[in-house]
């Protein structure tokens, strides 16, 4: 059970971070693709090894995430927009994600370390952010049949 102190700390942290990220709404739109492009290789272990195939698979997954977001309720879209604004805005990226380089130049190990920190955070807000990113990226990845073969999934059964 969350203590009153943890609840207040999480609420204060969330308010500060979302407020800071909200100051740069245009950064969220401009940076969302960069953030997603950095996240996909950290989440997906079965990306193709060839550079062209890898880039194509990452771009397809990023497009899938954007399509999934577009199909969500407006309030959920707004919350996800705030999350991406938070991650795209350099000061808050440094503060909450601990990723020093820009997303375009961040190493997979740096992105994976940030994701692991959020996954195991004591703050519900960060764990929820991790879960949302995880579900969006992996949902978009496994929605495409090319992702099924490396894990041995034959695909959905055909109905007759």
Protein backbone atom coordinates (compact mmCIF):
# COMPACT_ATOMS: atom_id res chain seq x y z
CA UNK A 1 0.00 0.00 0.00
CA UNK A 2 1.26 3.45 -0.86
CA UNK A 3 1.95 5.70 2.10
CA UNK A 4 0.65 9.24 2.22
CA UNK A 5 4.21 10.51 1.90
CA UNK A 6 4.85 8.43 -1.25
CA UNK A 7 1.54 9.56 -2.71
CA UNK A 8 2.41 13.22 -2.16
CA UNK A 9 5.95 12.78 -3.49
CA UNK A 10 4.69 11.03 -6.61
CA UNK A 11 2.03 13.67 -7.16
CA UNK A 12 4.50 16.51 -6.73
CA UNK A 13 7.07 14.89 -8.99
CA UNK A 14 4.46 14.15 -11.64
CA UNK A 15 3.07 17.68 -11.53
CA UNK A 16 6.51 19.25 -11.85
CA UNK A 17 7.59 16.99 -14.67
CA UNK A 18 4.39 17.28 -16.66
CA UNK A 19 4.32 21.03 -16.12
CA UNK A 20 7.87 21.36 -17.41
CA UNK A 21 7.13 19.11 -20.37
CA UNK A 22 3.89 20.96 -21.12
CA UNK A 23 5.87 24.16 -21.65
CA UNK A 24 7.13 22.65 -24.86
CA UNK A 25 4.18 21.00 -26.59
CA UNK A 26 5.74 21.43 -30.02
CA UNK A 27 8.79 19.50 -28.83
CA UNK A 28 6.55 16.51 -28.17
CA UNK A 29 5.43 16.31 -31.79
CA UNK A 30 8.91 16.94 -33.16
CA UNK A 31 10.61 14.57 -30.73
CA UNK A 32 8.14 11.69 -30.55
CA UNK A 33 9.58 9.90 -33.59
CA UNK A 34 13.12 10.36 -32.27
CA UNK A 35 12.17 8.97 -28.87
CA UNK A 36 10.35 6.01 -30.40
CA UNK A 37 13.19 5.31 -32.81
CA UNK A 38 15.55 5.08 -29.83
CA UNK A 39 13.13 2.96 -27.77
CA UNK A 40 12.39 0.25 -30.34
CA UNK A 41 15.88 -1.35 -30.36
CA UNK A 42 15.93 -1.29 -26.54
CA UNK A 43 12.61 -3.12 -26.31
CA UNK A 44 12.86 -5.50 -29.29
CA UNK A 45 15.59 -8.13 -29.09
CA UNK A 46 14.66 -9.78 -32.38
CA UNK A 47 15.25 -6.86 -34.76
CA UNK A 48 16.88 -7.87 -38.06
CA UNK A 49 20.66 -7.57 -38.05
CA UNK A 50 21.09 -6.02 -41.51
CA UNK A 51 21.17 -2.20 -41.34
CA UNK A 52 18.53 -1.64 -44.02
CA UNK A 53 16.17 -4.30 -42.70
CA UNK A 54 16.71 -3.04 -39.16
CA UNK A 55 15.96 0.57 -40.11
CA UNK A 56 12.86 -0.55 -42.00
CA UNK A 57 11.61 -2.63 -39.06
CA UNK A 58 12.17 0.24 -36.62
CA UNK A 59 10.38 2.72 -38.92
CA UNK A 60 7.46 0.29 -39.37
CA UNK A 61 7.19 -0.14 -35.60
CA UNK A 62 7.30 3.61 -34.97
CA UNK A 63 4.52 4.08 -37.52
CA UNK A 64 2.55 1.32 -35.81
CA UNK A 65 2.89 3.06 -32.45
CA UNK A 66 1.69 6.32 -33.95
CA UNK A 67 -1.27 4.54 -35.54
CA UNK A 68 -2.13 2.91 -32.20
CA UNK A 69 -1.94 6.26 -30.39
CA UNK A 70 -4.25 7.83 -33.00
CA UNK A 71 -6.85 5.18 -32.20
CA UNK A 72 -6.91 5.89 -28.46
CA UNK A 73 -9.32 8.11 -26.57
CA UNK A 74 -8.45 11.83 -26.68
CA UNK A 75 -7.64 11.95 -22.96
CA UNK A 76 -5.26 9.01 -23.33
CA UNK A 77 -3.68 10.63 -26.38
CA UNK A 78 -3.12 13.77 -24.30
CA UNK A 79 -1.45 11.78 -21.50
CA UNK A 80 0.80 9.99 -23.97
CA UNK A 81 1.59 13.33 -25.57
CA UNK A 82 2.68 14.63 -22.17
CA UNK A 83 4.92 11.60 -21.70
CA UNK A 84 6.60 12.15 -25.05
CA UNK A 85 6.93 15.87 -24.36
CA UNK A 86 8.66 14.97 -21.10
CA UNK A 87 11.06 12.62 -22.85
CA UNK A 88 11.70 14.87 -25.86
CA UNK A 89 12.46 18.05 -23.89
CA UNK A 90 16.22 17.91 -23.10
CA UNK A 91 16.13 19.17 -19.47
CA UNK A 92 13.39 16.75 -18.45
CA UNK A 93 14.96 13.95 -20.51
CA UNK A 94 18.12 14.39 -18.45
CA UNK A 95 16.24 14.69 -15.18
CA UNK A 96 13.81 11.78 -15.42
CA UNK A 97 15.39 9.46 -17.98
CA UNK A 98 19.07 10.09 -17.27
CA UNK A 99 19.80 9.98 -21.00
CA UNK A 100 22.45 12.61 -21.69
CA UNK A 101 22.82 12.45 -25.47
CA UNK A 102 19.99 13.36 -27.82
CA UNK A 103 17.72 10.42 -28.67
CA UNK A 104 19.16 10.26 -32.18
CA UNK A 105 22.65 9.55 -30.80
CA UNK A 106 21.81 7.62 -27.63
CA UNK A 107 23.23 4.10 -27.43
CA UNK A 108 20.86 1.17 -26.96
CA UNK A 109 22.52 0.43 -23.61
CA UNK A 110 21.73 3.96 -22.36
CA UNK A 111 18.11 3.67 -23.43
CA UNK A 112 17.83 0.19 -21.90
CA UNK A 113 19.25 1.51 -18.61
CA UNK A 114 16.64 4.28 -18.53
CA UNK A 115 13.86 1.78 -19.24
CA UNK A 116 15.11 -0.57 -16.51
CA UNK A 117 15.22 2.32 -14.03
CA UNK A 118 11.63 3.27 -14.84
CA UNK A 119 10.49 -0.36 -14.76
CA UNK A 120 11.84 -0.84 -11.24
CA UNK A 121 11.21 2.69 -9.92
CA UNK A 122 9.62 3.23 -6.54
CA UNK A 123 7.38 5.84 -8.17
CA UNK A 124 4.12 4.58 -9.65
CA UNK A 125 4.20 7.34 -12.26
CA UNK A 126 7.48 6.13 -13.76
CA UNK A 127 6.45 2.47 -13.65
CA UNK A 128 3.21 3.41 -15.41
CA UNK A 129 5.19 5.36 -18.03
CA UNK A 130 7.39 2.32 -18.62
CA UNK A 131 4.36 0.03 -18.96
CA UNK A 132 2.75 2.37 -21.49
CA UNK A 133 5.88 2.61 -23.61
CA UNK A 134 6.44 -1.14 -23.38
CA UNK A 135 2.91 -2.00 -24.46
CA UNK A 136 2.85 0.50 -27.31
CA UNK A 137 6.20 -0.54 -28.77
CA UNK A 138 5.83 -4.29 -28.40
CA UNK A 139 2.20 -4.18 -29.51
CA UNK A 140 3.22 -2.39 -32.70
CA UNK A 141 6.18 -4.74 -33.21
CA UNK A 142 4.24 -7.99 -32.84
CA UNK A 143 1.30 -6.71 -34.89
CA UNK A 144 3.40 -7.27 -38.01
CA UNK A 145 3.80 -10.82 -39.37
CA UNK A 146 7.56 -10.35 -39.93
CA UNK A 147 8.01 -10.37 -36.15
CA UNK A 148 6.41 -13.77 -35.71
CA UNK A 149 9.01 -16.03 -37.35
CA UNK A 150 11.93 -15.27 -34.98
CA UNK A 151 9.81 -16.31 -32.00
CA UNK A 152 8.31 -19.39 -33.68
CA UNK A 153 4.76 -18.09 -33.83
CA UNK A 154 3.02 -19.53 -36.88
CA UNK A 155 0.38 -16.80 -36.93
CA UNK A 156 -3.26 -16.81 -36.06
CA UNK A 157 -5.26 -19.86 -37.02
CA UNK A 158 -7.24 -19.63 -40.22
CA UNK A 159 -10.98 -19.95 -39.96
CA UNK A 160 -12.79 -22.12 -42.45
